[in-house]
Protein backbone atom coordinates (compact mmCIF):
# COMPACT_ATOMS: atom_id res chain seq x y z
CA MET A 1 -34.44 -9.46 83.13
CA MET A 2 -30.95 -8.68 85.32
CA LYS A 3 -31.80 -7.61 88.24
CA ILE A 4 -29.83 -4.75 89.71
CA LEU A 5 -28.83 -3.92 93.11
CA LYS A 6 -28.75 -1.06 95.23
CA VAL A 7 -26.82 0.16 98.13
CA GLY A 8 -29.02 -0.30 101.49
CA ASP A 9 -30.79 -3.67 99.32
CA LYS A 10 -31.30 -6.43 101.87
CA SER A 11 -30.43 -10.25 101.17
CA GLN A 12 -29.58 -13.34 102.70
CA ALA A 13 -26.18 -15.35 102.24
CA ILE A 14 -23.77 -17.71 103.87
CA CYS A 15 -21.20 -16.01 106.23
CA ASN A 16 -17.87 -17.80 106.35
CA SER A 17 -17.36 -15.74 109.71
CA CYS A 18 -20.40 -16.83 111.27
CA LYS A 19 -20.69 -20.33 109.76
CA ALA A 20 -24.48 -19.64 108.90
CA VAL A 21 -26.72 -18.20 106.72
CA VAL A 22 -27.24 -14.39 107.72
CA PRO A 23 -29.24 -11.17 106.65
CA THR A 24 -27.24 -9.14 104.77
CA THR A 25 -27.17 -5.51 103.46
CA TYR A 26 -26.02 -4.40 100.08
CA THR A 27 -23.12 -1.58 100.58
CA LEU A 28 -19.91 -0.32 99.12
CA ARG A 29 -16.37 -1.84 99.85
CA ASP A 30 -13.01 -2.17 99.00
CA VAL A 31 -12.36 -5.46 98.46
CA PRO A 32 -8.63 -7.25 98.75
CA PHE A 33 -7.74 -9.78 95.99
CA ASP A 34 -7.29 -13.56 97.16
CA ASP A 35 -3.50 -13.06 96.22
CA GLY A 36 -3.20 -9.91 98.93
CA ASP A 37 -1.77 -8.21 95.89
CA GLY A 38 -3.95 -4.99 95.81
CA GLU A 39 -7.97 -4.58 95.90
CA VAL A 40 -10.82 -3.50 94.25
CA LYS A 41 -11.87 0.04 95.39
CA ASN A 42 -15.58 1.17 96.33
CA VAL A 43 -17.34 -2.00 95.10
CA LEU A 44 -21.01 -2.89 95.85
CA VAL A 45 -20.95 -6.23 98.06
CA SER A 46 -23.37 -8.06 100.43
CA VAL A 47 -22.30 -7.79 103.95
CA CYS A 48 -23.29 -9.50 107.04
CA ASP A 49 -25.81 -7.71 109.00
CA THR A 50 -24.30 -9.67 112.29
CA CYS A 51 -20.33 -9.39 112.32
CA ASP A 52 -19.96 -7.02 108.99
CA SER A 53 -18.12 -9.66 107.05
CA ILE A 54 -18.08 -9.27 103.35
CA CYS A 55 -20.43 -12.47 101.98
CA SER A 56 -20.56 -12.39 98.42
CA LEU A 57 -19.96 -9.97 95.51
CA PRO A 58 -22.87 -9.57 93.11
CA HIS A 59 -22.77 -10.12 89.36
CA GLN A 60 -23.35 -6.63 88.71
CA SER A 61 -19.58 -5.49 90.42
CA THR A 62 -18.02 -8.34 87.93
CA PRO A 63 -16.82 -5.50 85.44
CA ALA A 64 -15.21 -3.30 88.02
CA VAL A 65 -13.24 -6.42 89.12
CA ARG A 66 -11.81 -7.27 85.98
CA LYS A 67 -10.82 -3.33 85.63
CA ALA A 68 -9.25 -3.69 88.51
CA LEU A 69 -7.23 -6.98 87.71
CA GLU A 70 -6.38 -5.71 84.16
CA THR A 71 -4.87 -2.24 86.12
CA LYS A 72 -3.00 -4.51 88.00
CA ARG A 73 -2.03 -6.93 85.22
CA LYS A 74 1.68 -6.31 83.89
CA PRO A 75 2.39 -4.68 80.74
CA ILE A 76 3.91 -6.85 77.67
CA GLU A 77 6.94 -4.62 77.16
CA CYS A 78 9.49 -4.89 74.16
CA ARG A 79 12.07 -2.61 72.61
CA VAL A 80 11.88 -1.39 68.54
CA PRO A 81 13.57 0.73 66.59
CA ALA A 82 12.52 4.58 66.82
CA HIS A 83 10.98 4.29 63.16
CA MET A 84 8.71 1.89 64.11
CA ILE A 85 7.11 4.43 66.31
CA ASP A 86 6.90 6.56 63.77
CA ILE A 87 5.09 4.17 61.57
CA LEU A 88 2.45 3.65 64.31
CA ASN A 89 2.02 7.51 65.00
CA LEU A 90 1.57 8.19 60.90
CA ALA A 91 -0.93 5.09 60.87
CA CYS A 92 -2.98 6.72 63.68
CA THR A 93 -3.10 10.17 61.84
CA GLN A 94 -4.02 8.22 58.56
CA ILE A 95 -7.20 6.74 60.42
CA GLY A 96 -7.49 9.95 62.25
CA CYS A 97 -6.67 9.60 65.50
CA GLU A 98 -4.03 10.92 68.25
CA THR A 99 -1.29 9.03 68.37
CA ASP A 100 -2.01 7.88 71.87
CA PHE A 101 -4.54 5.79 70.06
CA ARG A 102 -1.73 3.38 68.87
CA THR A 103 -2.03 0.89 71.80
CA GLN A 104 -5.41 0.19 70.65
CA MET A 105 -4.51 -0.05 67.00
CA PHE A 106 -2.16 -2.41 68.06
CA LYS A 107 -4.56 -4.52 70.18
CA TYR A 108 -7.01 -4.83 67.51
CA TYR A 109 -4.15 -6.00 64.90
CA ILE A 110 -2.87 -8.60 67.51
CA HIS A 111 -6.52 -9.96 68.21
CA LYS A 112 -7.08 -10.27 64.24
CA ILE A 113 -4.36 -11.73 63.26
CA ALA A 114 -4.53 -14.38 66.18
CA TYR A 115 -8.02 -15.80 64.76
CA ASP A 116 -7.17 -15.29 61.25
CA ASP A 117 -4.95 -17.97 59.05
CA ALA A 118 -4.68 -15.91 56.04
CA ALA A 119 -3.26 -13.06 58.36
CA LEU A 120 -1.05 -15.70 60.16
CA ALA A 121 0.55 -17.05 56.86
CA GLU A 122 1.10 -13.52 55.45
CA LEU A 123 2.90 -12.15 59.08
CA SER A 124 5.78 -14.45 58.24
CA SER A 125 6.12 -12.89 54.50
CA PHE A 126 7.60 -9.49 56.23
CA LYS A 127 10.48 -11.27 58.00
CA ASP A 128 12.70 -9.81 54.84
CA ASN A 129 11.46 -5.99 55.11
CA GLU A 130 14.32 -3.81 55.64
CA LEU A 131 12.46 -1.55 58.10
CA ILE A 132 12.62 -5.19 60.64
CA GLU A 133 16.33 -3.91 61.17
CA GLY A 134 17.27 -0.91 63.43
CA LYS A 135 18.70 -0.64 67.17
CA PRO A 136 15.96 -1.03 69.64
CA GLU A 137 16.01 2.36 71.11
CA LYS A 138 11.88 3.01 71.73
CA ARG A 139 9.58 1.00 74.12
CA ILE A 140 5.99 -0.33 73.16
CA SER A 141 3.97 -1.12 76.03
CA LEU A 142 0.55 -3.46 75.68
CA LYS A 143 -1.83 -4.20 78.46
CA GLY A 144 -5.37 -5.96 78.69
CA ARG A 145 -6.90 -9.03 79.24
CA HIS A 146 -6.71 -10.83 75.87
CA VAL A 147 -3.25 -9.47 74.68
CA LYS A 148 -1.00 -12.28 76.30
CA ALA A 149 -3.16 -15.02 75.16
CA ASP A 150 -3.61 -13.34 71.63
CA LEU A 151 0.27 -13.24 71.35
CA ASP A 152 0.96 -16.64 72.75
CA ARG A 153 -1.63 -17.94 70.05
CA ILE A 154 0.54 -16.29 67.46
CA LEU A 155 3.51 -17.62 68.77
CA TYR A 156 1.90 -21.01 68.84
CA ARG A 157 0.72 -20.78 65.19
CA THR A 158 3.54 -19.47 63.62
CA SER A 159 7.53 -19.89 63.41
CA LEU A 160 8.23 -17.25 65.37
CA THR A 161 9.94 -17.35 68.71
CA LYS A 162 9.84 -13.80 70.33
CA THR A 163 6.84 -11.35 71.35
CA THR A 164 9.13 -8.68 69.78
CA ASP A 165 9.41 -10.28 66.44
CA ILE A 166 5.62 -10.31 66.34
CA ILE A 167 5.60 -6.67 67.43
CA LYS A 168 7.83 -5.76 64.53
CA LEU A 169 5.53 -7.69 61.72
CA ILE A 170 2.78 -6.38 62.89
CA THR A 171 3.99 -3.02 62.57
CA ILE A 172 5.29 -3.56 59.07
CA LYS A 173 1.44 -5.21 58.49
CA ILE A 174 0.04 -1.99 59.85
CA LYS A 175 2.06 0.40 57.42
CA THR A 176 1.34 -1.94 54.45
CA GLU A 177 -2.39 -1.59 55.15
CA ILE A 178 -3.10 1.68 56.31
CA LEU A 179 -0.28 3.80 55.02
CA ASP A 180 0.46 2.02 51.46
CA MET A 181 -2.75 0.39 50.69
CA LYS A 182 -5.22 2.39 52.60
CA LYS A 183 -7.00 -0.67 53.17
CA PRO A 184 -11.13 0.53 53.90
CA GLU A 185 -12.08 -2.09 56.23
CA PRO A 186 -9.44 -2.06 59.02
CA ILE A 187 -9.23 2.13 58.65
CA LYS A 188 -13.02 1.93 58.83
CA GLU A 189 -12.99 -0.61 61.79
CA LEU A 190 -10.14 1.28 63.53
CA ARG A 191 -12.31 4.59 63.13
CA THR A 192 -15.42 3.30 64.82
CA ILE A 193 -13.06 1.77 67.71
CA ALA A 194 -11.59 5.39 68.33
CA VAL A 195 -14.78 7.32 68.35
CA ALA A 196 -16.29 4.55 70.64
CA THR A 197 -13.24 4.90 72.83
CA LEU A 198 -13.31 9.06 73.16
């Protein structure tokens, strides 16, 4: 059974300042990142009762740290023709969501394609689609712990060399599956994700 700690709980830990095992109290503090760029606000930590230094971060605080790191992470951005944003907005409407769901939809497709050999092979078949062409007038911005790793995996496992090309091809795949074929499986999964993130 996982133990959940509360503000005011007591423990013992090694204090780096005191160079000893010391009594500690759990409290909320702002904790700076190791690289000095930013901090996690108001997170539960173990604090030395002797010198007031932070001694440790309990397991239950890990999700808050991950979220803060994700917020700090720079987004992956690329420019695409305006009609591609229209495709994504129409796909959101088809799913039954607001247009701001397009980022989640995109992340779903990136992750799914990265680990599906058939989807990876199919992606290249969209290269000749006329909708790939157009002046890059709109911006797509994606952020998340797995997005870069998934995009790198797609680049490594295909002949594609640019992230922008992947984004364009995935947009065509979304059009094909959601708008043209109205495939029940991705529509159902995306609706579930949409409801869960409301």
